[in-house]
Amino acid sequence: MVDEKFYLCSTCRVESSVFIALGSNLGDRELNLLRAVAEIGKLPGSKVSALSNFYDTQPVGQVVQGNFLNAVLRLGTRLTPQKLLSELQRIETVLFKRKRTVEWGPRVIDLDIIFYGNRILTDNALVIPHPRLHERAFVLVPLAEIAPGFIHPELGKSVDEILKGLKNLERVTRV
């Protein structure tokens, strides 16, 4: 029987291609990413099936801040996209005390759903695939490490193809 409080999809098979980007540029960045991976792995009906290496990256945007440590993980989950987003935000705010005060500003942890299988979803709180992933080397480099052949459901290109076509390649250094 499915525990309804976790909004599991009782008729869905476990997704094998949910990808989540992780980033941190405050505190112990490596420990923050490792703790986040562990917490995501504890989500009901979910299992982390791959994790990229960690990458030191320059921040994107106009806010002056320290470098990020970024990674991407693959998650098998029976949570709906909306419930997964809710759980990721809970991890950010409750466990890591993230406060969203400056857009694109410094953060202890940032967790973004990049792909949820081949789904295309747009609602008030969630856009899948992530709308800017095809512009960001700090997402594409670790994603290409664990899923180079995954096809972007809107662009019809593999992650590797998107990465090779990236024009503005910010510095992404494997740690």
N, C-alpha and C. Protein backbone atom coordinates (compact mmCIF):
# COMPACT_ATOMS: atom_id res chain seq x y z
N MET A 1 0.83 -1.19 0.00
CA MET A 1 0.00 0.00 0.00
C MET A 1 0.88 1.25 0.00
N VAL A 2 0.46 2.27 -0.75
CA VAL A 2 1.21 3.51 -0.87
C VAL A 2 0.85 4.46 0.25
N ASP A 3 1.85 5.05 0.87
CA ASP A 3 1.63 6.03 1.93
C ASP A 3 1.30 7.37 1.29
N GLU A 4 0.04 7.77 1.35
CA GLU A 4 -0.44 8.95 0.65
C GLU A 4 0.22 10.25 1.13
N LYS A 5 0.71 10.28 2.36
CA LYS A 5 1.28 11.53 2.84
C LYS A 5 2.53 11.93 2.06
N PHE A 6 3.12 11.00 1.34
CA PHE A 6 4.30 11.32 0.55
C PHE A 6 3.98 11.52 -0.93
N TYR A 7 2.72 11.43 -1.31
CA TYR A 7 2.29 11.67 -2.69
C TYR A 7 3.05 10.81 -3.69
N LEU A 8 3.14 9.54 -3.39
CA LEU A 8 3.77 8.61 -4.31
C LEU A 8 2.80 8.27 -5.43
N CYS A 9 3.33 8.05 -6.58
CA CYS A 9 2.52 7.64 -7.72
C CYS A 9 2.41 6.12 -7.67
N SER A 10 1.25 5.62 -7.29
CA SER A 10 1.09 4.18 -7.08
C SER A 10 1.11 3.38 -8.37
N THR A 11 0.85 4.02 -9.51
CA THR A 11 0.85 3.29 -10.77
C THR A 11 2.13 3.51 -11.57
N CYS A 12 3.01 4.39 -11.06
CA CYS A 12 4.24 4.70 -11.80
C CYS A 12 5.35 3.72 -11.45
N ARG A 13 6.15 3.39 -12.43
CA ARG A 13 7.37 2.66 -12.13
C ARG A 13 8.38 3.68 -11.63
N VAL A 14 9.43 3.22 -11.00
CA VAL A 14 10.45 4.15 -10.53
C VAL A 14 11.10 4.80 -11.74
N GLU A 15 11.17 6.12 -11.76
CA GLU A 15 11.84 6.84 -12.85
C GLU A 15 13.33 6.54 -12.79
N SER A 16 13.94 6.33 -13.93
CA SER A 16 15.38 6.06 -13.94
C SER A 16 16.19 7.25 -14.43
N SER A 17 15.52 8.34 -14.76
CA SER A 17 16.24 9.46 -15.35
C SER A 17 15.78 10.81 -14.81
N VAL A 18 15.71 10.90 -13.49
CA VAL A 18 15.47 12.18 -12.84
C VAL A 18 16.84 12.71 -12.46
N PHE A 19 17.17 13.92 -12.91
CA PHE A 19 18.48 14.48 -12.64
C PHE A 19 18.33 15.75 -11.81
N ILE A 20 19.15 15.86 -10.78
CA ILE A 20 19.11 16.98 -9.86
C ILE A 20 20.49 17.62 -9.81
N ALA A 21 20.54 18.94 -10.01
CA ALA A 21 21.78 19.69 -9.88
C ALA A 21 21.92 20.17 -8.45
N LEU A 22 23.15 20.08 -7.93
CA LEU A 22 23.46 20.52 -6.57
C LEU A 22 24.54 21.58 -6.64
N GLY A 23 24.42 22.60 -5.80
CA GLY A 23 25.44 23.64 -5.74
C GLY A 23 25.55 24.22 -4.35
N SER A 24 26.76 24.65 -3.98
CA SER A 24 27.00 25.27 -2.68
C SER A 24 28.18 26.21 -2.80
N ASN A 25 28.04 27.41 -2.18
CA ASN A 25 29.21 28.30 -2.13
C ASN A 25 29.37 28.98 -0.77
N LEU A 26 28.71 28.44 0.25
CA LEU A 26 28.88 28.94 1.61
C LEU A 26 29.23 27.78 2.54
N GLY A 27 30.07 28.05 3.50
CA GLY A 27 30.44 27.02 4.47
C GLY A 27 31.32 25.95 3.85
N ASP A 28 31.24 24.74 4.38
CA ASP A 28 32.00 23.60 3.87
C ASP A 28 31.25 23.06 2.66
N ARG A 29 31.62 23.54 1.48
CA ARG A 29 30.88 23.24 0.25
C ARG A 29 30.79 21.74 -0.01
N GLU A 30 31.89 21.02 0.17
CA GLU A 30 31.89 19.59 -0.09
C GLU A 30 30.97 18.85 0.88
N LEU A 31 31.07 19.18 2.16
CA LEU A 31 30.20 18.55 3.15
C LEU A 31 28.73 18.87 2.86
N ASN A 32 28.45 20.10 2.44
CA ASN A 32 27.08 20.48 2.10
C ASN A 32 26.53 19.59 0.98
N LEU A 33 27.33 19.38 -0.07
CA LEU A 33 26.86 18.53 -1.18
C LEU A 33 26.67 17.09 -0.71
N LEU A 34 27.61 16.58 0.07
CA LEU A 34 27.49 15.20 0.55
C LEU A 34 26.27 15.01 1.45
N ARG A 35 26.01 15.98 2.32
CA ARG A 35 24.83 15.91 3.18
C ARG A 35 23.55 15.96 2.35
N ALA A 36 23.53 16.81 1.32
CA ALA A 36 22.35 16.92 0.47
C ALA A 36 22.09 15.61 -0.28
N VAL A 37 23.15 14.99 -0.80
CA VAL A 37 23.00 13.71 -1.48
C VAL A 37 22.41 12.68 -0.52
N ALA A 38 22.92 12.64 0.70
CA ALA A 38 22.41 11.69 1.70
C ALA A 38 20.94 11.94 2.00
N GLU A 39 20.55 13.19 2.13
CA GLU A 39 19.16 13.53 2.43
C GLU A 39 18.24 13.19 1.26
N ILE A 40 18.69 13.45 0.05
CA ILE A 40 17.89 13.09 -1.13
C ILE A 40 17.71 11.58 -1.19
N GLY A 41 18.76 10.85 -0.85
CA GLY A 41 18.68 9.39 -0.84
C GLY A 41 17.70 8.84 0.18
N LYS A 42 17.33 9.63 1.18
CA LYS A 42 16.37 9.20 2.20
C LYS A 42 14.92 9.47 1.81
N LEU A 43 14.69 10.16 0.70
CA LEU A 43 13.31 10.48 0.32
C LEU A 43 12.53 9.20 0.06
N PRO A 44 11.26 9.16 0.45
CA PRO A 44 10.45 7.95 0.28
C PRO A 44 10.32 7.57 -1.19
N GLY A 45 10.43 6.27 -1.46
CA GLY A 45 10.28 5.78 -2.83
C GLY A 45 11.37 6.26 -3.76
N SER A 46 12.55 6.58 -3.23
CA SER A 46 13.62 7.17 -4.03
C SER A 46 14.96 6.50 -3.76
N LYS A 47 15.82 6.54 -4.79
CA LYS A 47 17.16 5.98 -4.64
C LYS A 47 18.12 6.73 -5.57
N VAL A 48 19.23 7.19 -5.01
CA VAL A 48 20.28 7.82 -5.81
C VAL A 48 21.00 6.72 -6.57
N SER A 49 21.06 6.85 -7.90
CA SER A 49 21.68 5.79 -8.70
C SER A 49 22.98 6.22 -9.37
N ALA A 50 23.30 7.51 -9.36
CA ALA A 50 24.57 7.99 -9.91
C ALA A 50 24.86 9.37 -9.34
N LEU A 51 26.14 9.67 -9.18
CA LEU A 51 26.58 10.97 -8.71
C LEU A 51 27.84 11.35 -9.48
N SER A 52 27.83 12.56 -10.03
CA SER A 52 29.01 13.04 -10.74
C SER A 52 30.12 13.39 -9.76
N ASN A 53 31.29 13.66 -10.29
CA ASN A 53 32.34 14.26 -9.49
C ASN A 53 31.90 15.66 -9.09
N PHE A 54 32.64 16.28 -8.19
CA PHE A 54 32.36 17.65 -7.79
C PHE A 54 33.22 18.59 -8.63
N TYR A 55 32.67 19.77 -8.94
CA TYR A 55 33.33 20.74 -9.80
C TYR A 55 33.33 22.11 -9.15
N ASP A 56 34.49 22.74 -9.12
CA ASP A 56 34.60 24.11 -8.66
C ASP A 56 34.27 25.02 -9.83
N THR A 57 33.33 25.95 -9.62
CA THR A 57 32.84 26.77 -10.73
C THR A 57 32.72 28.22 -10.31
N GLN A 58 32.85 29.09 -11.30
CA GLN A 58 32.66 30.51 -11.07
C GLN A 58 31.16 30.80 -10.99
N PRO A 59 30.77 31.75 -10.12
CA PRO A 59 29.35 32.10 -10.06
C PRO A 59 28.89 32.76 -11.35
N VAL A 60 27.62 32.58 -11.67
CA VAL A 60 27.00 33.18 -12.84
C VAL A 60 26.11 34.31 -12.37
N GLY A 61 26.09 35.41 -13.11
CA GLY A 61 25.24 36.53 -12.75
C GLY A 61 26.04 37.70 -12.23
N GLN A 62 25.32 38.71 -11.75
CA GLN A 62 25.93 39.98 -11.34
C GLN A 62 26.31 40.05 -9.87
N VAL A 63 25.91 39.07 -9.07
CA VAL A 63 26.18 39.11 -7.63
C VAL A 63 27.63 38.67 -7.36
N VAL A 64 28.38 39.52 -6.67
CA VAL A 64 29.76 39.18 -6.30
C VAL A 64 29.69 38.17 -5.15
N GLN A 65 30.33 37.01 -5.36
CA GLN A 65 30.28 35.94 -4.36
C GLN A 65 31.38 34.93 -4.66
N GLY A 66 31.59 34.02 -3.73
CA GLY A 66 32.61 32.99 -3.89
C GLY A 66 32.22 31.92 -4.89
N ASN A 67 33.22 31.13 -5.28
CA ASN A 67 32.99 30.03 -6.22
C ASN A 67 32.04 28.99 -5.63
N PHE A 68 31.39 28.28 -6.52
CA PHE A 68 30.49 27.20 -6.15
C PHE A 68 31.21 25.86 -6.28
N LEU A 69 30.69 24.89 -5.57
CA LEU A 69 31.00 23.49 -5.82
C LEU A 69 29.70 22.91 -6.36
N ASN A 70 29.77 22.29 -7.54
CA ASN A 70 28.58 21.77 -8.20
C ASN A 70 28.71 20.29 -8.51
N ALA A 71 27.58 19.63 -8.62
CA ALA A 71 27.49 18.22 -9.00
C ALA A 71 26.09 17.97 -9.55
N VAL A 72 25.91 16.80 -10.13
CA VAL A 72 24.60 16.35 -10.60
C VAL A 72 24.43 14.91 -10.15
N LEU A 73 23.21 14.58 -9.70
CA LEU A 73 22.92 13.18 -9.37
C LEU A 73 21.73 12.69 -10.17
N ARG A 74 21.68 11.37 -10.36
CA ARG A 74 20.52 10.72 -10.98
C ARG A 74 19.75 10.04 -9.86
N LEU A 75 18.44 10.22 -9.90
CA LEU A 75 17.57 9.71 -8.86
C LEU A 75 16.46 8.88 -9.47
N GLY A 76 16.25 7.70 -8.92
CA GLY A 76 15.04 6.94 -9.22
C GLY A 76 14.03 7.29 -8.15
N THR A 77 12.84 7.69 -8.53
CA THR A 77 11.86 8.10 -7.52
C THR A 77 10.44 7.83 -7.99
N ARG A 78 9.56 7.62 -7.01
CA ARG A 78 8.14 7.50 -7.29
C ARG A 78 7.41 8.75 -6.83
N LEU A 79 8.13 9.75 -6.34
CA LEU A 79 7.52 11.02 -5.99
C LEU A 79 7.10 11.75 -7.26
N THR A 80 6.00 12.46 -7.21
CA THR A 80 5.61 13.29 -8.34
C THR A 80 6.62 14.43 -8.48
N PRO A 81 6.72 15.06 -9.65
CA PRO A 81 7.64 16.20 -9.78
C PRO A 81 7.38 17.29 -8.74
N GLN A 82 6.11 17.60 -8.50
CA GLN A 82 5.77 18.65 -7.55
C GLN A 82 6.16 18.27 -6.12
N LYS A 83 5.95 17.01 -5.75
CA LYS A 83 6.33 16.56 -4.41
C LYS A 83 7.84 16.50 -4.27
N LEU A 84 8.53 16.09 -5.32
CA LEU A 84 9.99 16.09 -5.29
C LEU A 84 10.50 17.51 -5.09
N LEU A 85 9.95 18.47 -5.82
CA LEU A 85 10.34 19.87 -5.63
C LEU A 85 10.11 20.30 -4.19
N SER A 86 8.96 19.97 -3.65
CA SER A 86 8.64 20.32 -2.27
C SER A 86 9.66 19.72 -1.30
N GLU A 87 10.03 18.47 -1.52
CA GLU A 87 11.01 17.81 -0.65
C GLU A 87 12.40 18.44 -0.79
N LEU A 88 12.79 18.81 -2.00
CA LEU A 88 14.09 19.46 -2.19
C LEU A 88 14.11 20.83 -1.50
N GLN A 89 13.01 21.56 -1.61
CA GLN A 89 12.94 22.87 -0.94
C GLN A 89 12.94 22.70 0.58
N ARG A 90 12.32 21.63 1.08
CA ARG A 90 12.36 21.35 2.51
C ARG A 90 13.80 21.09 2.95
N ILE A 91 14.54 20.31 2.18
CA ILE A 91 15.94 20.04 2.51
C ILE A 91 16.72 21.36 2.54
N GLU A 92 16.51 22.22 1.54
CA GLU A 92 17.21 23.50 1.48
C GLU A 92 16.91 24.38 2.69
N THR A 93 15.63 24.52 3.01
CA THR A 93 15.24 25.49 4.04
C THR A 93 15.29 24.94 5.46
N VAL A 94 14.82 23.72 5.67
CA VAL A 94 14.76 23.17 7.02
C VAL A 94 16.12 22.65 7.46
N LEU A 95 16.75 21.83 6.63
CA LEU A 95 18.01 21.20 7.03
C LEU A 95 19.22 22.12 6.85
N PHE A 96 19.20 22.94 5.80
CA PHE A 96 20.35 23.80 5.51
C PHE A 96 20.09 25.28 5.85
N LYS A 97 18.88 25.59 6.31
CA LYS A 97 18.53 26.96 6.73
C LYS A 97 18.72 27.98 5.60
N ARG A 98 18.47 27.57 4.36
CA ARG A 98 18.61 28.48 3.23
C ARG A 98 17.56 29.58 3.32
N LYS A 99 18.00 30.81 3.10
CA LYS A 99 17.12 31.96 3.04
C LYS A 99 17.24 32.57 1.64
N ARG A 100 16.15 32.73 0.97
CA ARG A 100 16.16 33.27 -0.39
C ARG A 100 16.02 34.79 -0.34
N THR A 101 17.13 35.47 -0.06
CA THR A 101 17.09 36.92 0.08
C THR A 101 17.63 37.63 -1.16
N VAL A 102 18.64 37.08 -1.82
CA VAL A 102 19.24 37.69 -3.00
C VAL A 102 19.13 36.70 -4.16
N GLU A 103 18.43 37.11 -5.23
CA GLU A 103 18.30 36.22 -6.39
C GLU A 103 19.68 35.92 -6.96
N TRP A 104 19.94 34.62 -7.16
CA TRP A 104 21.21 34.11 -7.66
C TRP A 104 22.37 34.46 -6.73
N GLY A 105 22.06 34.67 -5.45
CA GLY A 105 23.08 35.02 -4.48
C GLY A 105 23.72 33.81 -3.85
N PRO A 106 24.61 34.04 -2.87
CA PRO A 106 25.29 32.95 -2.19
C PRO A 106 24.30 32.03 -1.48
N ARG A 107 24.64 30.74 -1.41
CA ARG A 107 23.76 29.80 -0.73
C ARG A 107 24.53 28.60 -0.20
N VAL A 108 24.04 28.10 0.91
CA VAL A 108 24.63 26.90 1.51
C VAL A 108 24.35 25.72 0.60
N ILE A 109 23.13 25.63 0.08
CA ILE A 109 22.79 24.54 -0.85
C ILE A 109 21.73 25.04 -1.83
N ASP A 110 21.84 24.56 -3.05
CA ASP A 110 20.86 24.83 -4.09
C ASP A 110 20.58 23.50 -4.78
N LEU A 111 19.32 23.11 -4.84
CA LEU A 111 18.91 21.84 -5.44
C LEU A 111 17.88 22.13 -6.53
N ASP A 112 18.21 21.77 -7.76
CA ASP A 112 17.31 22.03 -8.89
C ASP A 112 17.04 20.74 -9.66
N ILE A 113 15.76 20.52 -9.98
CA ILE A 113 15.40 19.41 -10.87
C ILE A 113 15.76 19.84 -12.28
N ILE A 114 16.63 19.07 -12.93
CA ILE A 114 17.07 19.37 -14.29
C ILE A 114 16.17 18.67 -15.30
N PHE A 115 16.03 17.37 -15.15
CA PHE A 115 15.14 16.55 -15.98
C PHE A 115 14.35 15.63 -15.06
N TYR A 116 13.13 15.35 -15.44
CA TYR A 116 12.33 14.33 -14.77
C TYR A 116 11.87 13.39 -15.88
N GLY A 117 12.72 12.39 -16.17
CA GLY A 117 12.46 11.53 -17.32
C GLY A 117 12.38 12.39 -18.57
N ASN A 118 11.43 12.06 -19.43
CA ASN A 118 11.23 12.83 -20.66
C ASN A 118 10.10 13.84 -20.51
N ARG A 119 9.68 14.09 -19.28
CA ARG A 119 8.55 14.98 -19.06
C ARG A 119 8.89 16.44 -19.38
N ILE A 120 7.89 17.12 -19.91
CA ILE A 120 7.94 18.56 -20.10
C ILE A 120 6.82 19.11 -19.24
N LEU A 121 7.15 19.98 -18.32
CA LEU A 121 6.18 20.47 -17.34
C LEU A 121 6.41 21.95 -17.08
N THR A 122 5.35 22.70 -17.11
CA THR A 122 5.41 24.11 -16.73
C THR A 122 4.20 24.42 -15.87
N ASP A 123 4.46 24.83 -14.64
CA ASP A 123 3.39 25.35 -13.80
C ASP A 123 3.94 26.54 -13.02
N ASN A 124 3.19 27.06 -12.09
CA ASN A 124 3.62 28.27 -11.37
C ASN A 124 4.93 28.10 -10.62
N ALA A 125 5.21 26.90 -10.12
CA ALA A 125 6.37 26.70 -9.26
C ALA A 125 7.48 25.88 -9.90
N LEU A 126 7.21 25.25 -11.03
CA LEU A 126 8.16 24.27 -11.55
C LEU A 126 8.17 24.25 -13.07
N VAL A 127 9.38 24.29 -13.63
CA VAL A 127 9.56 24.16 -15.08
C VAL A 127 10.57 23.04 -15.30
N ILE A 128 10.15 22.01 -16.04
CA ILE A 128 11.00 20.87 -16.38
C ILE A 128 10.90 20.65 -17.88
N PRO A 129 12.03 20.50 -18.58
CA PRO A 129 13.42 20.59 -18.13
C PRO A 129 13.73 22.00 -17.59
N HIS A 130 14.79 22.06 -16.78
CA HIS A 130 15.20 23.35 -16.22
C HIS A 130 15.43 24.32 -17.37
N PRO A 131 14.85 25.51 -17.31
CA PRO A 131 14.86 26.41 -18.47
C PRO A 131 16.22 26.95 -18.90
N ARG A 132 17.24 26.94 -18.06
CA ARG A 132 18.54 27.49 -18.44
C ARG A 132 19.66 26.45 -18.46
N LEU A 133 19.32 25.19 -18.31
CA LEU A 133 20.38 24.17 -18.23
C LEU A 133 21.25 24.13 -19.48
N HIS A 134 20.67 24.40 -20.63
CA HIS A 134 21.43 24.33 -21.89
C HIS A 134 22.43 25.48 -22.06
N GLU A 135 22.41 26.45 -21.12
CA GLU A 135 23.33 27.59 -21.16
C GLU A 135 24.42 27.49 -20.10
N ARG A 136 24.39 26.48 -19.27
CA ARG A 136 25.23 26.45 -18.08
C ARG A 136 26.20 25.29 -18.04
N ALA A 137 27.46 25.60 -18.22
CA ALA A 137 28.50 24.58 -18.18
C ALA A 137 28.56 23.93 -16.80
N PHE A 138 28.28 24.68 -15.73
CA PHE A 138 28.37 24.12 -14.39
C PHE A 138 27.31 23.05 -14.14
N VAL A 139 26.29 22.98 -14.99
CA VAL A 139 25.31 21.89 -14.95
C VAL A 139 25.65 20.84 -16.00
N LEU A 140 25.97 21.29 -17.20
CA LEU A 140 26.20 20.36 -18.32
C LEU A 140 27.43 19.48 -18.14
N VAL A 141 28.51 20.01 -17.59
CA VAL A 141 29.73 19.21 -17.44
C VAL A 141 29.50 18.02 -16.50
N PRO A 142 28.98 18.23 -15.27
CA PRO A 142 28.72 17.05 -14.44
C PRO A 142 27.60 16.17 -14.97
N LEU A 143 26.61 16.76 -15.61
CA LEU A 143 25.52 15.97 -16.20
C LEU A 143 26.06 15.06 -17.31
N ALA A 144 26.95 15.60 -18.14
CA ALA A 144 27.54 14.81 -19.23
C ALA A 144 28.39 13.67 -18.70
N GLU A 145 28.92 13.82 -17.51
CA GLU A 145 29.73 12.76 -16.90
C GLU A 145 28.88 11.52 -16.61
N ILE A 146 27.63 11.72 -16.16
CA ILE A 146 26.80 10.58 -15.77
C ILE A 146 25.71 10.24 -16.79
N ALA A 147 25.43 11.14 -17.74
CA ALA A 147 24.36 10.88 -18.72
C ALA A 147 24.65 11.59 -20.04
N PRO A 148 25.78 11.28 -20.69
CA PRO A 148 26.13 12.01 -21.92
C PRO A 148 25.12 11.83 -23.06
N GLY A 149 24.48 10.68 -23.11
CA GLY A 149 23.56 10.41 -24.21
C GLY A 149 22.11 10.74 -23.92
N PHE A 150 21.82 11.25 -22.73
CA PHE A 150 20.43 11.59 -22.40
C PHE A 150 19.94 12.69 -23.34
N ILE A 151 18.77 12.49 -23.92
CA ILE A 151 18.23 13.43 -24.90
C ILE A 151 17.32 14.45 -24.21
N HIS A 152 17.62 15.71 -24.42
CA HIS A 152 16.79 16.80 -23.92
C HIS A 152 15.44 16.72 -24.63
N PRO A 153 14.34 16.56 -23.89
CA PRO A 153 13.05 16.32 -24.53
C PRO A 153 12.50 17.50 -25.35
N GLU A 154 12.99 18.69 -25.14
CA GLU A 154 12.55 19.83 -25.94
C GLU A 154 13.51 20.14 -27.08
N LEU A 155 14.81 20.04 -26.83
CA LEU A 155 15.81 20.39 -27.84
C LEU A 155 16.12 19.23 -28.79
N GLY A 156 15.83 17.99 -28.38
CA GLY A 156 16.11 16.83 -29.22
C GLY A 156 17.59 16.56 -29.40
N LYS A 157 18.42 17.07 -28.51
CA LYS A 157 19.87 16.85 -28.57
C LYS A 157 20.32 16.15 -27.30
N SER A 158 21.42 15.40 -27.42
CA SER A 158 21.98 14.74 -26.24
C SER A 158 22.68 15.79 -25.37
N VAL A 159 22.89 15.44 -24.12
CA VAL A 159 23.61 16.31 -23.20
C VAL A 159 24.99 16.63 -23.76
N ASP A 160 25.67 15.62 -24.30
CA ASP A 160 26.99 15.82 -24.91
C ASP A 160 26.93 16.83 -26.05
N GLU A 161 25.94 16.70 -26.91
CA GLU A 161 25.80 17.63 -28.04
C GLU A 161 25.56 19.06 -27.55
N ILE A 162 24.72 19.20 -26.53
CA ILE A 162 24.43 20.53 -25.99
C ILE A 162 25.71 21.13 -25.39
N LEU A 163 26.46 20.32 -24.65
CA LEU A 163 27.71 20.80 -24.05
C LEU A 163 28.71 21.22 -25.12
N LYS A 164 28.86 20.42 -26.15
CA LYS A 164 29.81 20.75 -27.23
C LYS A 164 29.41 22.02 -27.97
N GLY A 165 28.13 22.33 -28.01
CA GLY A 165 27.65 23.53 -28.69
C GLY A 165 27.60 24.77 -27.81
N LEU A 166 27.98 24.64 -26.55
CA LEU A 166 27.93 25.76 -25.62
C LEU A 166 28.92 26.83 -26.05
N LYS A 167 28.45 28.06 -26.19
CA LYS A 167 29.31 29.14 -26.67
C LYS A 167 30.10 29.81 -25.54
N ASN A 168 29.45 30.08 -24.43
CA ASN A 168 30.10 30.73 -23.30
C ASN A 168 30.44 29.68 -22.25
N LEU A 169 31.64 29.15 -22.33
CA LEU A 169 32.06 28.09 -21.42
C LEU A 169 32.77 28.70 -20.22
N GLU A 170 32.02 28.89 -19.13
CA GLU A 170 32.64 29.39 -17.90
C GLU A 170 33.57 28.31 -17.34
N ARG A 171 34.44 28.70 -16.42
CA ARG A 171 35.42 27.77 -15.87
C ARG A 171 34.72 26.74 -14.98
N VAL A 172 34.95 25.48 -15.28
CA VAL A 172 34.41 24.35 -14.52
C VAL A 172 35.57 23.39 -14.30
N THR A 173 36.04 23.30 -13.04
CA THR A 173 37.25 22.51 -12.74
C THR A 173 36.89 21.36 -11.82
N ARG A 174 37.20 20.14 -12.28
CA ARG A 174 36.95 18.95 -11.46
C ARG A 174 37.79 18.99 -10.20
N VAL A 175 37.17 18.69 -9.06
CA VAL A 175 37.88 18.72 -7.77
C VAL A 175 38.42 17.33 -7.49
